[in-house]
Amino acid sequence: MSLSDSPNPLTKKLEQHLLELRLPRIAEIHREALDEAARKHTPLLETLAILFGEEVNARRERALRRRVLASRLLKPQDSPGIRLLLAPADPKRNHPSPL
């Protein structure tokens, strides 16, 4: 049984803590990442590093998006690249698995 299939109260508690601590990216991906780590016998420290790395990257993307919008130097219609930058991040983006 994988973590994703489990109605475990600890899983719910973890998700609540992640949201309360404002770690939304980890909250989105932790189940899949922990399942994959268990399958591959990935060390705990490596799994944590991957999860926190994902959160850091998501925060950097959001900060950059905010700065571009706040600068008022560029408008989304100015360039397709700017539209892409300002588009909301897709949580199901097709990145290679971090584990």
N, C-alpha and C. Protein backbone atom coordinates (compact mmCIF):
# COMPACT_ATOMS: atom_id res chain seq x y z
N MET A 1 0.85 -1.18 0.00
CA MET A 1 0.00 0.00 0.00
C MET A 1 0.89 1.24 0.00
N SER A 2 0.61 2.15 -0.92
CA SER A 2 1.42 3.35 -1.00
C SER A 2 0.85 4.43 -0.10
N LEU A 3 1.62 5.45 0.11
CA LEU A 3 1.20 6.57 0.93
C LEU A 3 -0.01 7.25 0.31
N SER A 4 -0.09 7.26 -1.03
CA SER A 4 -1.19 7.91 -1.72
C SER A 4 -2.52 7.23 -1.46
N ASP A 5 -2.50 5.91 -1.23
CA ASP A 5 -3.72 5.16 -1.02
C ASP A 5 -4.16 5.17 0.44
N SER A 6 -3.33 5.64 1.30
CA SER A 6 -3.56 5.52 2.73
C SER A 6 -4.40 6.66 3.29
N PRO A 7 -5.48 6.32 4.01
CA PRO A 7 -6.23 7.36 4.71
C PRO A 7 -5.65 7.59 6.11
N ASN A 8 -4.38 7.39 6.25
CA ASN A 8 -3.66 7.48 7.51
C ASN A 8 -3.83 8.87 8.15
N PRO A 9 -4.19 8.92 9.42
CA PRO A 9 -4.32 10.22 10.10
C PRO A 9 -3.00 11.00 10.13
N LEU A 10 -1.88 10.30 10.13
CA LEU A 10 -0.58 11.00 10.12
C LEU A 10 -0.37 11.74 8.81
N THR A 11 -0.87 11.16 7.71
CA THR A 11 -0.75 11.82 6.42
C THR A 11 -1.54 13.12 6.43
N LYS A 12 -2.76 13.07 6.97
CA LYS A 12 -3.58 14.27 7.06
C LYS A 12 -2.90 15.32 7.94
N LYS A 13 -2.34 14.87 9.05
CA LYS A 13 -1.66 15.79 9.97
C LYS A 13 -0.45 16.45 9.29
N LEU A 14 0.31 15.66 8.55
CA LEU A 14 1.46 16.19 7.82
C LEU A 14 1.01 17.25 6.82
N GLU A 15 -0.04 16.96 6.07
CA GLU A 15 -0.54 17.92 5.09
C GLU A 15 -0.99 19.21 5.76
N GLN A 16 -1.65 19.10 6.89
CA GLN A 16 -2.09 20.29 7.62
C GLN A 16 -0.88 21.11 8.09
N HIS A 17 0.14 20.42 8.59
CA HIS A 17 1.35 21.13 9.05
C HIS A 17 2.04 21.83 7.88
N LEU A 18 2.14 21.15 6.76
CA LEU A 18 2.80 21.74 5.59
C LEU A 18 2.07 23.00 5.14
N LEU A 19 0.76 22.96 5.13
CA LEU A 19 -0.01 24.14 4.74
C LEU A 19 0.10 25.25 5.78
N GLU A 20 0.08 24.88 7.05
CA GLU A 20 0.21 25.89 8.11
C GLU A 20 1.59 26.55 8.06
N LEU A 21 2.60 25.77 7.73
CA LEU A 21 3.95 26.31 7.63
C LEU A 21 4.20 27.01 6.29
N ARG A 22 3.16 27.04 5.47
CA ARG A 22 3.23 27.67 4.14
C ARG A 22 4.30 27.03 3.27
N LEU A 23 4.18 25.72 3.13
CA LEU A 23 5.05 24.94 2.25
C LEU A 23 4.17 24.25 1.20
N PRO A 24 3.54 25.05 0.32
CA PRO A 24 2.56 24.48 -0.59
C PRO A 24 3.13 23.51 -1.62
N ARG A 25 4.34 23.76 -2.10
CA ARG A 25 4.91 22.85 -3.11
C ARG A 25 5.17 21.48 -2.50
N ILE A 26 5.71 21.44 -1.29
CA ILE A 26 5.93 20.16 -0.62
C ILE A 26 4.59 19.47 -0.37
N ALA A 27 3.58 20.24 0.02
CA ALA A 27 2.26 19.67 0.24
C ALA A 27 1.72 19.02 -1.04
N GLU A 28 2.02 19.63 -2.19
CA GLU A 28 1.56 19.08 -3.48
C GLU A 28 2.26 17.78 -3.84
N ILE A 29 3.56 17.69 -3.56
CA ILE A 29 4.34 16.58 -4.13
C ILE A 29 4.81 15.54 -3.11
N HIS A 30 4.57 15.75 -1.83
CA HIS A 30 5.18 14.87 -0.83
C HIS A 30 4.76 13.41 -0.97
N ARG A 31 3.50 13.16 -1.29
CA ARG A 31 3.06 11.76 -1.38
C ARG A 31 3.81 11.01 -2.47
N GLU A 32 3.84 11.60 -3.65
CA GLU A 32 4.53 10.95 -4.77
C GLU A 32 6.02 10.79 -4.48
N ALA A 33 6.62 11.84 -3.92
CA ALA A 33 8.05 11.80 -3.63
C ALA A 33 8.38 10.74 -2.58
N LEU A 34 7.56 10.64 -1.54
CA LEU A 34 7.81 9.64 -0.50
C LEU A 34 7.57 8.22 -1.00
N ASP A 35 6.54 8.04 -1.84
CA ASP A 35 6.30 6.73 -2.43
C ASP A 35 7.48 6.29 -3.29
N GLU A 36 7.96 7.22 -4.11
CA GLU A 36 9.09 6.90 -4.99
C GLU A 36 10.36 6.63 -4.17
N ALA A 37 10.57 7.40 -3.12
CA ALA A 37 11.74 7.20 -2.25
C ALA A 37 11.68 5.82 -1.60
N ALA A 38 10.48 5.39 -1.20
CA ALA A 38 10.34 4.07 -0.59
C ALA A 38 10.63 2.97 -1.61
N ARG A 39 10.13 3.15 -2.83
CA ARG A 39 10.37 2.14 -3.89
C ARG A 39 11.85 2.02 -4.22
N LYS A 40 12.53 3.17 -4.27
CA LYS A 40 13.94 3.18 -4.67
C LYS A 40 14.90 3.09 -3.49
N HIS A 41 14.36 3.02 -2.29
CA HIS A 41 15.18 2.98 -1.07
C HIS A 41 16.12 4.18 -0.99
N THR A 42 15.58 5.34 -1.34
CA THR A 42 16.34 6.58 -1.30
C THR A 42 16.54 6.99 0.16
N PRO A 43 17.74 7.39 0.53
CA PRO A 43 17.97 7.83 1.91
C PRO A 43 17.07 9.00 2.30
N LEU A 44 16.68 9.05 3.54
CA LEU A 44 15.78 10.08 4.05
C LEU A 44 16.33 11.48 3.80
N LEU A 45 17.60 11.68 4.08
CA LEU A 45 18.20 13.00 3.91
C LEU A 45 18.13 13.46 2.45
N GLU A 46 18.35 12.56 1.51
CA GLU A 46 18.26 12.90 0.09
C GLU A 46 16.82 13.26 -0.28
N THR A 47 15.87 12.51 0.24
CA THR A 47 14.45 12.78 -0.03
C THR A 47 14.05 14.15 0.51
N LEU A 48 14.49 14.46 1.73
CA LEU A 48 14.19 15.77 2.30
C LEU A 48 14.83 16.89 1.49
N ALA A 49 16.05 16.67 1.05
CA ALA A 49 16.74 17.68 0.24
C ALA A 49 15.98 17.94 -1.06
N ILE A 50 15.45 16.90 -1.66
CA ILE A 50 14.68 17.05 -2.89
C ILE A 50 13.38 17.82 -2.62
N LEU A 51 12.68 17.44 -1.57
CA LEU A 51 11.42 18.12 -1.24
C LEU A 51 11.64 19.61 -0.96
N PHE A 52 12.64 19.91 -0.14
CA PHE A 52 12.89 21.32 0.18
C PHE A 52 13.44 22.07 -1.02
N GLY A 53 14.21 21.41 -1.87
CA GLY A 53 14.69 22.03 -3.10
C GLY A 53 13.53 22.43 -4.00
N GLU A 54 12.53 21.57 -4.10
CA GLU A 54 11.33 21.88 -4.89
C GLU A 54 10.62 23.11 -4.32
N GLU A 55 10.53 23.18 -3.00
CA GLU A 55 9.86 24.34 -2.37
C GLU A 55 10.65 25.62 -2.64
N VAL A 56 11.96 25.56 -2.53
CA VAL A 56 12.81 26.73 -2.80
C VAL A 56 12.62 27.19 -4.24
N ASN A 57 12.64 26.25 -5.18
CA ASN A 57 12.46 26.61 -6.59
C ASN A 57 11.09 27.24 -6.84
N ALA A 58 10.05 26.69 -6.23
CA ALA A 58 8.71 27.24 -6.41
C ALA A 58 8.64 28.66 -5.85
N ARG A 59 9.29 28.89 -4.71
CA ARG A 59 9.28 30.24 -4.13
C ARG A 59 10.04 31.22 -5.00
N ARG A 60 11.15 30.78 -5.57
CA ARG A 60 11.91 31.66 -6.46
C ARG A 60 11.09 32.03 -7.68
N GLU A 61 10.38 31.06 -8.25
CA GLU A 61 9.53 31.33 -9.41
C GLU A 61 8.43 32.33 -9.06
N ARG A 62 7.79 32.13 -7.92
CA ARG A 62 6.72 33.05 -7.50
C ARG A 62 7.27 34.45 -7.25
N ALA A 63 8.44 34.53 -6.62
CA ALA A 63 9.05 35.84 -6.34
C ALA A 63 9.40 36.57 -7.64
N LEU A 64 9.96 35.85 -8.59
CA LEU A 64 10.30 36.45 -9.87
C LEU A 64 9.04 36.95 -10.58
N ARG A 65 8.00 36.14 -10.55
CA ARG A 65 6.73 36.52 -11.17
C ARG A 65 6.18 37.80 -10.52
N ARG A 66 6.23 37.86 -9.17
CA ARG A 66 5.76 39.05 -8.45
C ARG A 66 6.58 40.28 -8.82
N ARG A 67 7.90 40.10 -8.90
CA ARG A 67 8.77 41.25 -9.21
C ARG A 67 8.50 41.79 -10.61
N VAL A 68 8.32 40.89 -11.55
CA VAL A 68 8.05 41.32 -12.92
C VAL A 68 6.73 42.07 -12.97
N LEU A 69 5.71 41.55 -12.31
CA LEU A 69 4.42 42.23 -12.29
C LEU A 69 4.51 43.57 -11.58
N ALA A 70 5.24 43.62 -10.48
CA ALA A 70 5.35 44.86 -9.70
C ALA A 70 6.17 45.92 -10.43
N SER A 71 7.08 45.50 -11.27
CA SER A 71 7.96 46.46 -11.94
C SER A 71 7.18 47.33 -12.93
N ARG A 72 6.11 46.80 -13.45
CA ARG A 72 5.29 47.50 -14.44
C ARG A 72 6.09 47.89 -15.67
N LEU A 73 7.28 47.34 -15.81
CA LEU A 73 8.08 47.60 -17.00
C LEU A 73 7.60 46.76 -18.17
N LEU A 74 7.13 45.58 -17.86
CA LEU A 74 6.69 44.67 -18.91
C LEU A 74 5.24 44.30 -18.67
N LYS A 75 4.53 44.14 -19.75
CA LYS A 75 3.15 43.70 -19.67
C LYS A 75 3.06 42.33 -20.33
N PRO A 76 2.15 41.49 -19.88
CA PRO A 76 2.04 40.13 -20.45
C PRO A 76 1.92 40.13 -21.96
N GLN A 77 1.28 41.15 -22.56
CA GLN A 77 1.10 41.16 -24.00
C GLN A 77 2.38 41.57 -24.74
N ASP A 78 3.41 42.03 -24.04
CA ASP A 78 4.65 42.48 -24.68
C ASP A 78 5.40 41.36 -25.37
N SER A 79 5.35 40.18 -24.81
CA SER A 79 6.17 39.10 -25.37
C SER A 79 5.61 37.75 -24.93
N PRO A 80 5.72 36.74 -25.80
CA PRO A 80 5.28 35.39 -25.39
C PRO A 80 6.08 34.88 -24.20
N GLY A 81 7.35 35.24 -24.11
CA GLY A 81 8.18 34.81 -22.99
C GLY A 81 7.69 35.37 -21.66
N ILE A 82 7.24 36.61 -21.70
CA ILE A 82 6.71 37.24 -20.48
C ILE A 82 5.40 36.57 -20.09
N ARG A 83 4.56 36.26 -21.08
CA ARG A 83 3.31 35.57 -20.78
C ARG A 83 3.59 34.23 -20.12
N LEU A 84 4.60 33.53 -20.62
CA LEU A 84 4.97 32.24 -20.05
C LEU A 84 5.48 32.42 -18.62
N LEU A 85 6.30 33.42 -18.40
CA LEU A 85 6.84 33.69 -17.06
C LEU A 85 5.74 34.02 -16.07
N LEU A 86 4.75 34.78 -16.52
CA LEU A 86 3.70 35.22 -15.63
C LEU A 86 2.57 34.21 -15.46
N ALA A 87 2.57 33.18 -16.29
CA ALA A 87 1.52 32.16 -16.17
C ALA A 87 1.69 31.42 -14.85
N PRO A 88 0.58 31.03 -14.23
CA PRO A 88 0.69 30.28 -12.98
C PRO A 88 1.45 28.98 -13.21
N ALA A 89 2.22 28.59 -12.23
CA ALA A 89 3.00 27.36 -12.33
C ALA A 89 2.05 26.18 -12.41
N ASP A 90 2.38 25.22 -13.27
CA ASP A 90 1.57 24.02 -13.41
C ASP A 90 2.12 22.97 -12.45
N PRO A 91 1.34 22.58 -11.42
CA PRO A 91 1.84 21.61 -10.45
C PRO A 91 2.10 20.25 -11.07
N LYS A 92 1.53 19.98 -12.24
CA LYS A 92 1.73 18.68 -12.88
C LYS A 92 2.68 18.80 -14.06
N ARG A 93 3.59 19.77 -13.98
CA ARG A 93 4.51 19.99 -15.08
C ARG A 93 5.31 18.72 -15.34
N ASN A 94 5.70 18.55 -16.56
CA ASN A 94 6.37 17.32 -16.97
C ASN A 94 7.87 17.43 -16.78
N HIS A 95 8.27 17.47 -15.54
CA HIS A 95 9.69 17.47 -15.19
C HIS A 95 10.11 16.03 -14.94
N PRO A 96 11.35 15.72 -15.20
CA PRO A 96 11.81 14.39 -14.80
C PRO A 96 11.67 14.25 -13.29
N SER A 97 11.40 13.07 -12.87
CA SER A 97 11.21 12.82 -11.44
C SER A 97 12.45 13.22 -10.66
N PRO A 98 12.27 13.95 -9.53
CA PRO A 98 13.42 14.41 -8.77
C PRO A 98 14.16 13.28 -8.06
N LEU A 99 13.52 12.13 -7.92
CA LEU A 99 14.16 11.03 -7.20
C LEU A 99 14.71 10.01 -8.15
